[in-house]
Structure formats: C-alpha cells, structure tokens
Amino acid sequence: KSIWSINKIIKEIKKIENDLGREPVLGLLGITFKPNVDDLRESPALLIASEISKKINEVYICEPNLVNHPFLKLKDLNFVLDKSDLIVILVAHDEFKKLVINKNKLDLCGALSEF
C-alpha cells in the first residue's frame, strides 16, 4: 500500500507540475499509525512522508498528535493548507474530517468520505 500511495502522489505531483509550470508545494496531513493517536511505530503514513520528502523540494507536514519529529518538520494545519499546492491526507484524524479543501487534493485514507 505504501508504494502504491507514493506512486499515486508522484503521479498527481507531475500532473500539477505541468499545470503550474513548477514543482508544486506538497502538504501531507497525518503521519501516525492510525487516526487520533501519537504512535508512529510501523506507520505506513510515516514511510510515505519520509520517501516523498526525499523526492520533493517543498513538503509541509501536519500531525496534530505530535509536537515535533526528529527529521520531518511539522507545521500547523492552517500553515500547511495555506502554503501547499497539493494536499494529501494520509491519516483520517478527526481534525481533517470536516475540512473543506478548495485546492488539489488526494484523500488516501477516506477522511473526507461521508459515512
């Protein structure tokens, strides 16, 4: 699933890059193992964020359940939403479920789905 997600994100980045004429700024929402926890152990979202951060110049990450991370720079939600050309939701935290995102977006975890 992680490799599939990384490839999907890269494909979307390339599409937006053509429209913008530059590499888009990427915003990633959520890096924990599952929604509403601070546990990073075996987190597919953390792996995705780490790999994508190696490939894209400007990546902003919001993880509302953590204050900081040893090698990823975490930003607050409003900053990420404001600065990013593409928003990718990796973990369905409650904070993300009611968002209205009027930008390019990829919801890889069903956070924006109505149940």
PDB file of N, CA and C in Angstrom:
ATOM      1  N   LYS A   1       0.829  -1.209   0.000  1.00  0.00           N
ATOM      2  CA  LYS A   1       0.000   0.000   0.000  1.00  0.00           C
ATOM      3  C   LYS A   1       0.864   1.261   0.000  1.00  0.00           C
ATOM      4  N   SER A   2       1.979   1.255   0.728  1.00  0.00           N
ATOM      5  CA  SER A   2       2.820   2.452   0.792  1.00  0.00           C
ATOM      6  C   SER A   2       3.401   2.800  -0.577  1.00  0.00           C
ATOM      7  N   ILE A   3       3.893   1.804  -1.295  1.00  0.00           N
ATOM      8  CA  ILE A   3       4.472   2.062  -2.620  1.00  0.00           C
ATOM      9  C   ILE A   3       3.386   2.543  -3.574  1.00  0.00           C
ATOM     10  N   TRP A   4       2.197   1.943  -3.510  1.00  0.00           N
ATOM     11  CA  TRP A   4       1.080   2.391  -4.334  1.00  0.00           C
ATOM     12  C   TRP A   4       0.764   3.860  -4.042  1.00  0.00           C
ATOM     13  N   SER A   5       0.718   4.220  -2.754  1.00  0.00           N
ATOM     14  CA  SER A   5       0.405   5.592  -2.351  1.00  0.00           C
ATOM     15  C   SER A   5       1.485   6.565  -2.821  1.00  0.00           C
ATOM     16  N   ILE A   6       2.743   6.188  -2.665  1.00  0.00           N
ATOM     17  CA  ILE A   6       3.847   7.042  -3.119  1.00  0.00           C
ATOM     18  C   ILE A   6       3.736   7.279  -4.622  1.00  0.00           C
ATOM     19  N   ASN A   7       3.497   6.222  -5.380  1.00  0.00           N
ATOM     20  CA  ASN A   7       3.366   6.361  -6.840  1.00  0.00           C
ATOM     21  C   ASN A   7       2.170   7.236  -7.218  1.00  0.00           C
ATOM     22  N   LYS A   8       1.070   7.099  -6.497  1.00  0.00           N
ATOM     23  CA  LYS A   8      -0.125   7.917  -6.762  1.00  0.00           C
ATOM     24  C   LYS A   8       0.166   9.399  -6.486  1.00  0.00           C
ATOM     25  N   ILE A   9       0.857   9.671  -5.394  1.00  0.00           N
ATOM     26  CA  ILE A   9       1.221  11.054  -5.053  1.00  0.00           C
ATOM     27  C   ILE A   9       2.147  11.635  -6.122  1.00  0.00           C
ATOM     28  N   ILE A  10       3.142  10.875  -6.526  1.00  0.00           N
ATOM     29  CA  ILE A  10       4.091  11.353  -7.543  1.00  0.00           C
ATOM     30  C   ILE A  10       3.378  11.613  -8.864  1.00  0.00           C
ATOM     31  N   LYS A  11       2.458  10.746  -9.236  1.00  0.00           N
ATOM     32  CA  LYS A  11       1.689  10.953 -10.466  1.00  0.00           C
ATOM     33  C   LYS A  11       0.888  12.255 -10.396  1.00  0.00           C
ATOM     34  N   GLU A  12       0.263  12.504  -9.251  1.00  0.00           N
ATOM     35  CA  GLU A  12      -0.510  13.736  -9.065  1.00  0.00           C
ATOM     36  C   GLU A  12       0.401  14.963  -9.072  1.00  0.00           C
ATOM     37  N   ILE A  13       1.570  14.844  -8.465  1.00  0.00           N
ATOM     38  CA  ILE A  13       2.546  15.944  -8.461  1.00  0.00           C
ATOM     39  C   ILE A  13       2.937  16.301  -9.891  1.00  0.00           C
ATOM     40  N   LYS A  14       3.215  15.291 -10.706  1.00  0.00           N
ATOM     41  CA  LYS A  14       3.611  15.531 -12.107  1.00  0.00           C
ATOM     42  C   LYS A  14       2.499  16.235 -12.874  1.00  0.00           C
ATOM     43  N   LYS A  15       1.262  15.827 -12.634  1.00  0.00           N
ATOM     44  CA  LYS A  15       0.122  16.448 -13.303  1.00  0.00           C
ATOM     45  C   LYS A  15       0.013  17.928 -12.916  1.00  0.00           C
ATOM     46  N   ILE A  16       0.113  18.216 -11.641  1.00  0.00           N
ATOM     47  CA  ILE A  16       0.008  19.596 -11.153  1.00  0.00           C
ATOM     48  C   ILE A  16       1.210  20.417 -11.605  1.00  0.00           C
ATOM     49  N   GLU A  17       2.371  19.779 -11.638  1.00  0.00           N
ATOM     50  CA  GLU A  17       3.595  20.450 -12.088  1.00  0.00           C
ATOM     51  C   GLU A  17       3.415  20.974 -13.518  1.00  0.00           C
ATOM     52  N   ASN A  18       2.795  20.190 -14.368  1.00  0.00           N
ATOM     53  CA  ASN A  18       2.527  20.629 -15.742  1.00  0.00           C
ATOM     54  C   ASN A  18       1.606  21.841 -15.760  1.00  0.00           C
ATOM     55  N   ASP A  19       0.590  21.847 -14.911  1.00  0.00           N
ATOM     56  CA  ASP A  19      -0.347  22.970 -14.847  1.00  0.00           C
ATOM     57  C   ASP A  19       0.320  24.237 -14.290  1.00  0.00           C
ATOM     58  N   LEU A  20       1.142  24.073 -13.252  1.00  0.00           N
ATOM     59  CA  LEU A  20       1.768  25.217 -12.591  1.00  0.00           C
ATOM     60  C   LEU A  20       3.024  25.713 -13.311  1.00  0.00           C
ATOM     61  N   GLY A  21       3.685  24.822 -14.028  1.00  0.00           N
ATOM     62  CA  GLY A  21       4.961  25.169 -14.641  1.00  0.00           C
ATOM     63  C   GLY A  21       6.110  25.136 -13.649  1.00  0.00           C
ATOM     64  N   ARG A  22       5.893  24.527 -12.498  1.00  0.00           N
ATOM     65  CA  ARG A  22       6.922  24.380 -11.455  1.00  0.00           C
ATOM     66  C   ARG A  22       6.523  23.208 -10.564  1.00  0.00           C
ATOM     67  N   GLU A  23       7.477  22.759  -9.766  1.00  0.00           N
ATOM     68  CA  GLU A  23       7.157  21.693  -8.821  1.00  0.00           C
ATOM     69  C   GLU A  23       6.192  22.232  -7.763  1.00  0.00           C
ATOM     70  N   PRO A  24       5.091  21.540  -7.514  1.00  0.00           N
ATOM     71  CA  PRO A  24       4.145  22.033  -6.507  1.00  0.00           C
ATOM     72  C   PRO A  24       4.682  21.878  -5.090  1.00  0.00           C
ATOM     73  N   VAL A  25       4.173  22.718  -4.215  1.00  0.00           N
ATOM     74  CA  VAL A  25       4.426  22.585  -2.788  1.00  0.00           C
ATOM     75  C   VAL A  25       3.437  21.536  -2.278  1.00  0.00           C
ATOM     76  N   LEU A  26       3.946  20.568  -1.535  1.00  0.00           N
ATOM     77  CA  LEU A  26       3.138  19.439  -1.095  1.00  0.00           C
ATOM     78  C   LEU A  26       2.823  19.551   0.386  1.00  0.00           C
ATOM     79  N   GLY A  27       1.568  19.345   0.736  1.00  0.00           N
ATOM     80  CA  GLY A  27       1.149  19.302   2.135  1.00  0.00           C
ATOM     81  C   GLY A  27       0.660  17.909   2.476  1.00  0.00           C
ATOM     82  N   LEU A  28       1.256  17.324   3.497  1.00  0.00           N
ATOM     83  CA  LEU A  28       0.861  15.985   3.944  1.00  0.00           C
ATOM     84  C   LEU A  28       0.166  16.098   5.290  1.00  0.00           C
ATOM     85  N   LEU A  29      -0.990  15.464   5.421  1.00  0.00           N
ATOM     86  CA  LEU A  29      -1.753  15.519   6.661  1.00  0.00           C
ATOM     87  C   LEU A  29      -1.772  14.142   7.314  1.00  0.00           C
ATOM     88  N   GLY A  30      -1.079  14.051   8.448  1.00  0.00           N
ATOM     89  CA  GLY A  30      -1.063  12.828   9.241  1.00  0.00           C
ATOM     90  C   GLY A  30       0.105  11.918   8.937  1.00  0.00           C
ATOM     91  N   ILE A  31       0.820  11.490   9.990  1.00  0.00           N
ATOM     92  CA  ILE A  31       1.925  10.531   9.809  1.00  0.00           C
ATOM     93  C   ILE A  31       1.912   9.411  10.852  1.00  0.00           C
ATOM     94  N   THR A  32       0.892   9.364  11.713  1.00  0.00           N
ATOM     95  CA  THR A  32       0.871   8.331  12.748  1.00  0.00           C
ATOM     96  C   THR A  32       0.331   7.005  12.204  1.00  0.00           C
ATOM     97  N   PHE A  33       0.412   5.982  13.037  1.00  0.00           N
ATOM     98  CA  PHE A  33       0.000   4.633  12.642  1.00  0.00           C
ATOM     99  C   PHE A  33      -1.493   4.535  12.341  1.00  0.00           C
ATOM    100  N   LYS A  34      -2.310   5.242  13.146  1.00  0.00           N
ATOM    101  CA  LYS A  34      -3.755   5.235  12.929  1.00  0.00           C
ATOM    102  C   LYS A  34      -4.330   6.558  13.434  1.00  0.00           C
ATOM    103  N   PRO A  35      -5.601   6.842  13.112  1.00  0.00           N
ATOM    104  CA  PRO A  35      -6.191   8.119  13.493  1.00  0.00           C
ATOM    105  C   PRO A  35      -6.206   8.381  15.000  1.00  0.00           C
ATOM    106  N   ASN A  36      -5.963   9.651  15.332  1.00  0.00           N
ATOM    107  CA  ASN A  36      -6.142  10.191  16.682  1.00  0.00           C
ATOM    108  C   ASN A  36      -5.222   9.599  17.745  1.00  0.00           C
ATOM    109  N   VAL A  37      -4.045   9.131  17.329  1.00  0.00           N
ATOM    110  CA  VAL A  37      -3.029   8.650  18.272  1.00  0.00           C
ATOM    111  C   VAL A  37      -1.698   9.304  17.924  1.00  0.00           C
ATOM    112  N   ASP A  38      -0.724   9.187  18.841  1.00  0.00           N
ATOM    113  CA  ASP A  38       0.601   9.747  18.581  1.00  0.00           C
ATOM    114  C   ASP A  38       1.639   8.662  18.294  1.00  0.00           C
ATOM    115  N   ASP A  39       1.200   7.448  18.060  1.00  0.00           N
ATOM    116  CA  ASP A  39       2.076   6.295  17.843  1.00  0.00           C
ATOM    117  C   ASP A  39       2.565   6.246  16.389  1.00  0.00           C
ATOM    118  N   LEU A  40       3.876   6.273  16.216  1.00  0.00           N
ATOM    119  CA  LEU A  40       4.472   6.225  14.880  1.00  0.00           C
ATOM    120  C   LEU A  40       4.966   4.830  14.494  1.00  0.00           C
ATOM    121  N   ARG A  41       4.957   3.891  15.434  1.00  0.00           N
ATOM    122  CA  ARG A  41       5.507   2.561  15.151  1.00  0.00           C
ATOM    123  C   ARG A  41       4.797   1.902  13.981  1.00  0.00           C
ATOM    124  N   GLU A  42       5.582   1.450  13.006  1.00  0.00           N
ATOM    125  CA  GLU A  42       5.085   0.744  11.819  1.00  0.00           C
ATOM    126  C   GLU A  42       4.057   1.564  11.027  1.00  0.00           C
ATOM    127  N   SER A  43       4.187   2.873  11.056  1.00  0.00           N
ATOM    128  CA  SER A  43       3.233   3.740  10.369  1.00  0.00           C
ATOM    129  C   SER A  43       3.510   3.804   8.870  1.00  0.00           C
ATOM    130  N   PRO A  44       2.560   3.337   8.044  1.00  0.00           N
ATOM    131  CA  PRO A  44       2.725   3.482   6.596  1.00  0.00           C
ATOM    132  C   PRO A  44       2.776   4.955   6.182  1.00  0.00           C
ATOM    133  N   ALA A  45       2.010   5.799   6.873  1.00  0.00           N
ATOM    134  CA  ALA A  45       1.986   7.229   6.540  1.00  0.00           C
ATOM    135  C   ALA A  45       3.351   7.867   6.784  1.00  0.00           C
ATOM    136  N   LEU A  46       4.030   7.453   7.845  1.00  0.00           N
ATOM    137  CA  LEU A  46       5.372   7.976   8.129  1.00  0.00           C
ATOM    138  C   LEU A  46       6.342   7.559   7.024  1.00  0.00           C
ATOM    139  N   LEU A  47       6.255   6.316   6.586  1.00  0.00           N
ATOM    140  CA  LEU A  47       7.100   5.839   5.488  1.00  0.00           C
ATOM    141  C   LEU A  47       6.832   6.652   4.218  1.00  0.00           C
ATOM    142  N   ILE A  48       5.564   6.868   3.912  1.00  0.00           N
ATOM    143  CA  ILE A  48       5.190   7.650   2.722  1.00  0.00           C
ATOM    144  C   ILE A  48       5.759   9.064   2.829  1.00  0.00           C
ATOM    145  N   ALA A  49       5.557   9.711   3.973  1.00  0.00           N
ATOM    146  CA  ALA A  49       6.049  11.083   4.170  1.00  0.00           C
ATOM    147  C   ALA A  49       7.565  11.146   4.052  1.00  0.00           C
ATOM    148  N   SER A  50       8.248  10.173   4.611  1.00  0.00           N
ATOM    149  CA  SER A  50       9.714  10.145   4.548  1.00  0.00           C
ATOM    150  C   SER A  50      10.208   9.990   3.118  1.00  0.00           C
ATOM    151  N   GLU A  51       9.605   9.082   2.371  1.00  0.00           N
ATOM    152  CA  GLU A  51      10.025   8.837   0.987  1.00  0.00           C
ATOM    153  C   GLU A  51       9.695  10.025   0.077  1.00  0.00           C
ATOM    154  N   ILE A  52       8.513  10.571   0.219  1.00  0.00           N
ATOM    155  CA  ILE A  52       8.106  11.715  -0.605  1.00  0.00           C
ATOM    156  C   ILE A  52       8.988  12.929  -0.297  1.00  0.00           C
ATOM    157  N   SER A  53       9.359  13.105   0.970  1.00  0.00           N
ATOM    158  CA  SER A  53      10.207  14.243   1.361  1.00  0.00           C
ATOM    159  C   SER A  53      11.582  14.181   0.703  1.00  0.00           C
ATOM    160  N   LYS A  54      12.033  12.984   0.339  1.00  0.00           N
ATOM    161  CA  LYS A  54      13.316  12.829  -0.355  1.00  0.00           C
ATOM    162  C   LYS A  54      13.215  13.214  -1.828  1.00  0.00           C
ATOM    163  N   LYS A  55      11.998  13.187  -2.382  1.00  0.00           N
ATOM    164  CA  LYS A  55      11.805  13.390  -3.816  1.00  0.00           C
ATOM    165  C   LYS A  55      11.312  14.792  -4.179  1.00  0.00           C
ATOM    166  N   ILE A  56      10.690  15.475  -3.241  1.00  0.00           N
ATOM    167  CA  ILE A  56      10.064  16.778  -3.497  1.00  0.00           C
ATOM    168  C   ILE A  56      10.774  17.834  -2.652  1.00  0.00           C
ATOM    169  N   ASN A  57      11.021  18.998  -3.249  1.00  0.00           N
ATOM    170  CA  ASN A  57      11.763  20.049  -2.549  1.00  0.00           C
ATOM    171  C   ASN A  57      11.004  20.648  -1.370  1.00  0.00           C
ATOM    172  N   GLU A  58       9.748  21.004  -1.576  1.00  0.00           N
ATOM    173  CA  GLU A  58       8.988  21.676  -0.527  1.00  0.00           C
ATOM    174  C   GLU A  58       7.825  20.812  -0.076  1.00  0.00           C
ATOM    175  N   VAL A  59       7.960  20.251   1.130  1.00  0.00           N
ATOM    176  CA  VAL A  59       6.925  19.407   1.718  1.00  0.00           C
ATOM    177  C   VAL A  59       6.644  19.916   3.126  1.00  0.00           C
ATOM    178  N   TYR A  60       5.372  20.193   3.395  1.00  0.00           N
ATOM    179  CA  TYR A  60       4.952  20.589   4.736  1.00  0.00           C
ATOM    180  C   TYR A  60       4.069  19.490   5.298  1.00  0.00           C
ATOM    181  N   ILE A  61       4.272  19.177   6.579  1.00  0.00           N
ATOM    182  CA  ILE A  61       3.558  18.068   7.207  1.00  0.00           C
ATOM    183  C   ILE A  61       2.826  18.564   8.448  1.00  0.00           C
ATOM    184  N   CYS A  62       1.560  18.200   8.557  1.00  0.00           N
ATOM    185  CA  CYS A  62       0.782  18.485   9.763  1.00  0.00           C
ATOM    186  C   CYS A  62       0.464  17.154  10.440  1.00  0.00           C
ATOM    187  N   GLU A  63       0.843  17.059  11.698  1.00  0.00           N
ATOM    188  CA  GLU A  63       0.474  15.903  12.518  1.00  0.00           C
ATOM    189  C   GLU A  63      -0.010  16.449  13.856  1.00  0.00           C
ATOM    190  N   PRO A  64      -1.333  16.580  14.020  1.00  0.00           N
ATOM    191  CA  PRO A  64      -1.877  17.232  15.217  1.00  0.00           C
ATOM    192  C   PRO A  64      -1.608  16.499  16.529  1.00  0.00           C
ATOM    193  N   ASN A  65      -1.187  15.242  16.469  1.00  0.00           N
ATOM    194  CA  ASN A  65      -0.959  14.472  17.691  1.00  0.00           C
ATOM    195  C   ASN A  65       0.502  14.455  18.140  1.00  0.00           C
ATOM    196  N   LEU A  66       1.368  15.174  17.431  1.00  0.00           N
ATOM    197  CA  LEU A  66       2.781  15.255  17.795  1.00  0.00           C
ATOM    198  C   LEU A  66       3.223  16.720  17.842  1.00  0.00           C
ATOM    199  N   VAL A  67       4.169  17.009  18.720  1.00  0.00           N
ATOM    200  CA  VAL A  67       4.722  18.361  18.813  1.00  0.00           C
ATOM    201  C   VAL A  67       5.870  18.513  17.828  1.00  0.00           C
ATOM    202  N   ASN A  68       6.711  17.486  17.718  1.00  0.00           N
ATOM    203  CA  ASN A  68       7.831  17.539  16.781  1.00  0.00           C
ATOM    204  C   ASN A  68       8.212  16.131  16.336  1.00  0.00           C
ATOM    205  N   HIS A  69       9.150  16.075  15.390  1.00  0.00           N
ATOM    206  CA  HIS A  69       9.630  14.808  14.859  1.00  0.00           C
ATOM    207  C   HIS A  69      11.125  14.972  14.612  1.00  0.00           C
ATOM    208  N   PRO A  70      11.919  13.915  14.795  1.00  0.00           N
ATOM    209  CA  PRO A  70      13.377  14.049  14.664  1.00  0.00           C
ATOM    210  C   PRO A  70      13.871  14.521  13.298  1.00  0.00           C
ATOM    211  N   PHE A  71      13.218  14.140  12.195  1.00  0.00           N
ATOM    212  CA  PHE A  71      13.746  14.553  10.895  1.00  0.00           C
ATOM    213  C   PHE A  71      12.712  15.158   9.947  1.00  0.00           C
ATOM    214  N   LEU A  72      11.451  15.156  10.315  1.00  0.00           N
ATOM    215  CA  LEU A  72      10.426  15.819   9.500  1.00  0.00           C
ATOM    216  C   LEU A  72       9.982  17.088  10.219  1.00  0.00           C
ATOM    217  N   LYS A  73       9.857  18.174   9.459  1.00  0.00           N
ATOM    218  CA  LYS A  73       9.413  19.440  10.055  1.00  0.00           C
ATOM    219  C   LYS A  73       7.894  19.482  10.071  1.00  0.00           C
ATOM    220  N   LEU A  74       7.330  19.542  11.264  1.00  0.00           N
ATOM    221  CA  LEU A  74       5.880  19.586  11.408  1.00  0.00           C
ATOM    222  C   LEU A  74       5.407  21.034  11.476  1.00  0.00           C
ATOM    223  N   LYS A  75       4.290  21.302  10.820  1.00  0.00           N
ATOM    224  CA  LYS A  75       3.693  22.635  10.792  1.00  0.00           C
ATOM    225  C   LYS A  75       2.248  22.534  11.236  1.00  0.00           C
ATOM    226  N   ASP A  76       1.659  23.677  11.592  1.00  0.00           N
ATOM    227  CA  ASP A  76       0.249  23.612  11.981  1.00  0.00           C
ATOM    228  C   ASP A  76      -0.636  23.508  10.743  1.00  0.00           C
ATOM    229  N   LEU A  77      -1.848  23.069  10.957  1.00  0.00           N
ATOM    230  CA  LEU A  77      -2.770  22.749   9.868  1.00  0.00           C
ATOM    231  C   LEU A  77      -3.016  23.943   8.945  1.00  0.00           C
ATOM    232  N   ASN A  78      -3.270  25.110   9.517  1.00  0.00           N
ATOM    233  CA  ASN A  78      -3.548  26.288   8.681  1.00  0.00           C
ATOM    234  C   ASN A  78      -2.362  26.641   7.800  1.00  0.00           C
ATOM    235  N   PHE A  79      -1.152  26.522   8.317  1.00  0.00           N
ATOM    236  CA  PHE A  79       0.051  26.792   7.534  1.00  0.00           C
ATOM    237  C   PHE A  79       0.121  25.839   6.342  1.00  0.00           C
ATOM    238  N   VAL A  80      -0.065  24.551   6.600  1.00  0.00           N
ATOM    239  CA  VAL A  80       0.022  23.543   5.540  1.00  0.00           C
ATOM    240  C   VAL A  80      -1.051  23.787   4.477  1.00  0.00           C
ATOM    241  N   LEU A  81      -2.269  24.053   4.915  1.00  0.00           N
ATOM    242  CA  LEU A  81      -3.358  24.294   3.962  1.00  0.00           C
ATOM    243  C   LEU A  81      -3.093  25.542   3.124  1.00  0.00           C
ATOM    244  N   ASP A  82      -2.550  26.571   3.751  1.00  0.00           N
ATOM    245  CA  ASP A  82      -2.303  27.840   3.064  1.00  0.00           C
ATOM    246  C   ASP A  82      -1.163  27.752   2.056  1.00  0.00           C
ATOM    247  N   LYS A  83      -0.083  27.083   2.412  1.00  0.00           N
ATOM    248  CA  LYS A  83       1.151  27.100   1.610  1.00  0.00           C
ATOM    249  C   LYS A  83       1.218  26.041   0.517  1.00  0.00           C
ATOM    250  N   SER A  84       0.377  25.021   0.591  1.00  0.00           N
ATOM    251  CA  SER A  84       0.516  23.865  -0.299  1.00  0.00           C
ATOM    252  C   SER A  84      -0.327  23.992  -1.567  1.00  0.00           C
ATOM    253  N   ASP A  85       0.237  23.486  -2.684  1.00  0.00           N
ATOM    254  CA  ASP A  85      -0.496  23.397  -3.947  1.00  0.00           C
ATOM    255  C   ASP A  85      -1.278  22.091  -4.037  1.00  0.00           C
ATOM    256  N   LEU A  86      -0.795  21.075  -3.335  1.00  0.00           N
ATOM    257  CA  LEU A  86      -1.439  19.764  -3.305  1.00  0.00           C
ATOM    258  C   LEU A  86      -1.490  19.298  -1.857  1.00  0.00           C
ATOM    259  N   ILE A  87      -2.682  18.950  -1.389  1.00  0.00           N
ATOM    260  CA  ILE A  87      -2.883  18.434  -0.033  1.00  0.00           C
ATOM    261  C   ILE A  87      -3.133  16.935  -0.135  1.00  0.00           C
ATOM    262  N   VAL A  88      -2.358  16.150   0.613  1.00  0.00           N
ATOM    263  CA  VAL A  88      -2.546  14.697   0.640  1.00  0.00           C
ATOM    264  C   VAL A  88      -2.879  14.283   2.072  1.00  0.00           C
ATOM    265  N   ILE A  89      -4.041  13.683   2.244  1.00  0.00           N
ATOM    266  CA  ILE A  89      -4.445  13.211   3.570  1.00  0.00           C
ATOM    267  C   ILE A  89      -4.024  11.754   3.693  1.00  0.00           C
ATOM    268  N   LEU A  90      -3.121  11.509   4.643  1.00  0.00           N
ATOM    269  CA  LEU A  90      -2.583  10.164   4.842  1.00  0.00           C
ATOM    270  C   LEU A  90      -3.231   9.437   6.013  1.00  0.00           C
ATOM    271  N   VAL A  91      -3.719  10.174   7.014  1.00  0.00           N
ATOM    272  CA  VAL A  91      -4.334   9.575   8.203  1.00  0.00           C
ATOM    273  C   VAL A  91      -5.620  10.334   8.502  1.00  0.00           C
ATOM    274  N   ALA A  92      -6.688   9.611   8.776  1.00  0.00           N
ATOM    275  CA  ALA A  92      -8.021  10.211   8.969  1.00  0.00           C
ATOM    276  C   ALA A  92      -8.218  10.719  10.395  1.00  0.00           C
ATOM    277  N   HIS A  93      -7.369  11.657  10.820  1.00  0.00           N
ATOM    278  CA  HIS A  93      -7.551  12.278  12.134  1.00  0.00           C
ATOM    279  C   HIS A  93      -8.852  13.078  12.131  1.00  0.00           C
ATOM    280  N   ASP A  94      -9.484  13.186  13.293  1.00  0.00           N
ATOM    281  CA  ASP A  94     -10.736  13.944  13.403  1.00  0.00           C
ATOM    282  C   ASP A  94     -10.586  15.366  12.876  1.00  0.00           C
ATOM    283  N   GLU A  95      -9.416  15.987  13.116  1.00  0.00           N
ATOM    284  CA  GLU A  95      -9.174  17.366  12.677  1.00  0.00           C
ATOM    285  C   GLU A  95      -9.292  17.522  11.168  1.00  0.00           C
ATOM    286  N   PHE A  96      -9.094  16.452  10.424  1.00  0.00           N
ATOM    287  CA  PHE A  96      -9.086  16.531   8.958  1.00  0.00           C
ATOM    288  C   PHE A  96     -10.446  16.194   8.333  1.00  0.00           C
ATOM    289  N   LYS A  97     -11.323  15.540   9.088  1.00  0.00           N
ATOM    290  CA  LYS A  97     -12.567  15.006   8.513  1.00  0.00           C
ATOM    291  C   LYS A  97     -13.558  16.073   8.055  1.00  0.00           C
ATOM    292  N   LYS A  98     -13.531  17.229   8.670  1.00  0.00           N
ATOM    293  CA  LYS A  98     -14.507  18.270   8.320  1.00  0.00           C
ATOM    294  C   LYS A  98     -13.889  19.368   7.464  1.00  0.00           C
ATOM    295  N   LEU A  99     -12.685  19.145   6.991  1.00  0.00           N
ATOM    296  CA  LEU A  99     -12.020  20.155   6.181  1.00  0.00           C
ATOM    297  C   LEU A  99     -12.721  20.342   4.839  1.00  0.00           C
ATOM    298  N   VAL A 100     -12.760  21.565   4.407  1.00  0.00           N
ATOM    299  CA  VAL A 100     -13.174  21.881   3.042  1.00  0.00           C
ATOM    300  C   VAL A 100     -11.900  22.353   2.355  1.00  0.00           C
ATOM    301  N   ILE A 101     -11.410  21.557   1.437  1.00  0.00           N
ATOM    302  CA  ILE A 101     -10.148  21.862   0.758  1.00  0.00           C
ATOM    303  C   ILE A 101     -10.457  22.265  -0.672  1.00  0.00           C
ATOM    304  N   ASN A 102     -10.224  23.524  -0.970  1.00  0.00           N
ATOM    305  CA  ASN A 102     -10.503  24.055  -2.306  1.00  0.00           C
ATOM    306  C   ASN A 102      -9.239  24.112  -3.148  1.00  0.00           C
ATOM    307  N   LYS A 103      -8.416  23.118  -3.015  1.00  0.00           N
ATOM    308  CA  LYS A 103      -7.166  23.009  -3.764  1.00  0.00           C
ATOM    309  C   LYS A 103      -7.084  21.596  -4.308  1.00  0.00           C
ATOM    310  N   ASN A 104      -6.016  21.323  -5.039  1.00  0.00           N
ATOM    311  CA  ASN A 104      -5.756  19.950  -5.461  1.00  0.00           C
ATOM    312  C   ASN A 104      -5.605  19.107  -4.208  1.00  0.00           C
ATOM    313  N   LYS A 105      -6.265  17.952  -4.203  1.00  0.00           N
ATOM    314  CA  LYS A 105      -6.165  17.105  -3.014  1.00  0.00           C
ATOM    315  C   LYS A 105      -6.233  15.628  -3.387  1.00  0.00           C
ATOM    316  N   LEU A 106      -5.614  14.834  -2.538  1.00  0.00           N
ATOM    317  CA  LEU A 106      -5.678  13.378  -2.614  1.00  0.00           C
ATOM    318  C   LEU A 106      -6.043  12.892  -1.217  1.00  0.00           C
ATOM    319  N   ASP A 107      -7.133  12.182  -1.095  1.00  0.00           N
ATOM    320  CA  ASP A 107      -7.531  11.607   0.188  1.00  0.00           C
ATOM    321  C   ASP A 107      -7.228  10.119   0.110  1.00  0.00           C
ATOM    322  N   LEU A 108      -6.104   9.718   0.679  1.00  0.00           N
ATOM    323  CA  LEU A 108      -5.670   8.318   0.574  1.00  0.00           C
ATOM    324  C   LEU A 108      -6.182   7.448   1.726  1.00  0.00           C
ATOM    325  N   CYS A 109      -6.997   8.028   2.604  1.00  0.00           N
ATOM    326  CA  CYS A 109      -7.459   7.245   3.751  1.00  0.00           C
ATOM    327  C   CYS A 109      -8.965   7.364   3.988  1.00  0.00           C
ATOM    328  N   GLY A 110      -9.685   8.041   3.107  1.00  0.00           N
ATOM    329  CA  GLY A 110     -11.127   8.174   3.261  1.00  0.00           C
ATOM    330  C   GLY A 110     -11.558   9.155   4.326  1.00  0.00           C
ATOM    331  N   ALA A 111     -10.710  10.088   4.687  1.00  0.00           N
ATOM    332  CA  ALA A 111     -11.056  11.055   5.738  1.00  0.00           C
ATOM    333  C   ALA A 111     -12.195  11.968   5.332  1.00  0.00           C
ATOM    334  N   LEU A 112     -12.282  12.290   4.056  1.00  0.00           N
ATOM    335  CA  LEU A 112     -13.306  13.232   3.593  1.00  0.00           C
ATOM    336  C   LEU A 112     -14.575  12.545   3.112  1.00  0.00           C
ATOM    337  N   SER A 113     -14.615  11.231   3.230  1.00  0.00           N
ATOM    338  CA  SER A 113     -15.800  10.483   2.780  1.00  0.00           C
ATOM    339  C   SER A 113     -16.945  10.669   3.765  1.00  0.00           C
ATOM    340  N   GLU A 114     -18.130  10.794   3.247  1.00  0.00           N
ATOM    341  CA  GLU A 114     -19.323  10.855   4.091  1.00  0.00           C
ATOM    342  C   GLU A 114     -19.759   9.429   4.409  1.00  0.00           C
ATOM    343  N   PHE A 115     -20.028   9.158   5.674  1.00  0.00           N
ATOM    344  CA  PHE A 115     -20.468   7.813   6.071  1.00  0.00           C
ATOM    345  C   PHE A 115     -21.946   7.814   6.340  1.00  0.00           C
TER     346      PHE A 115
END
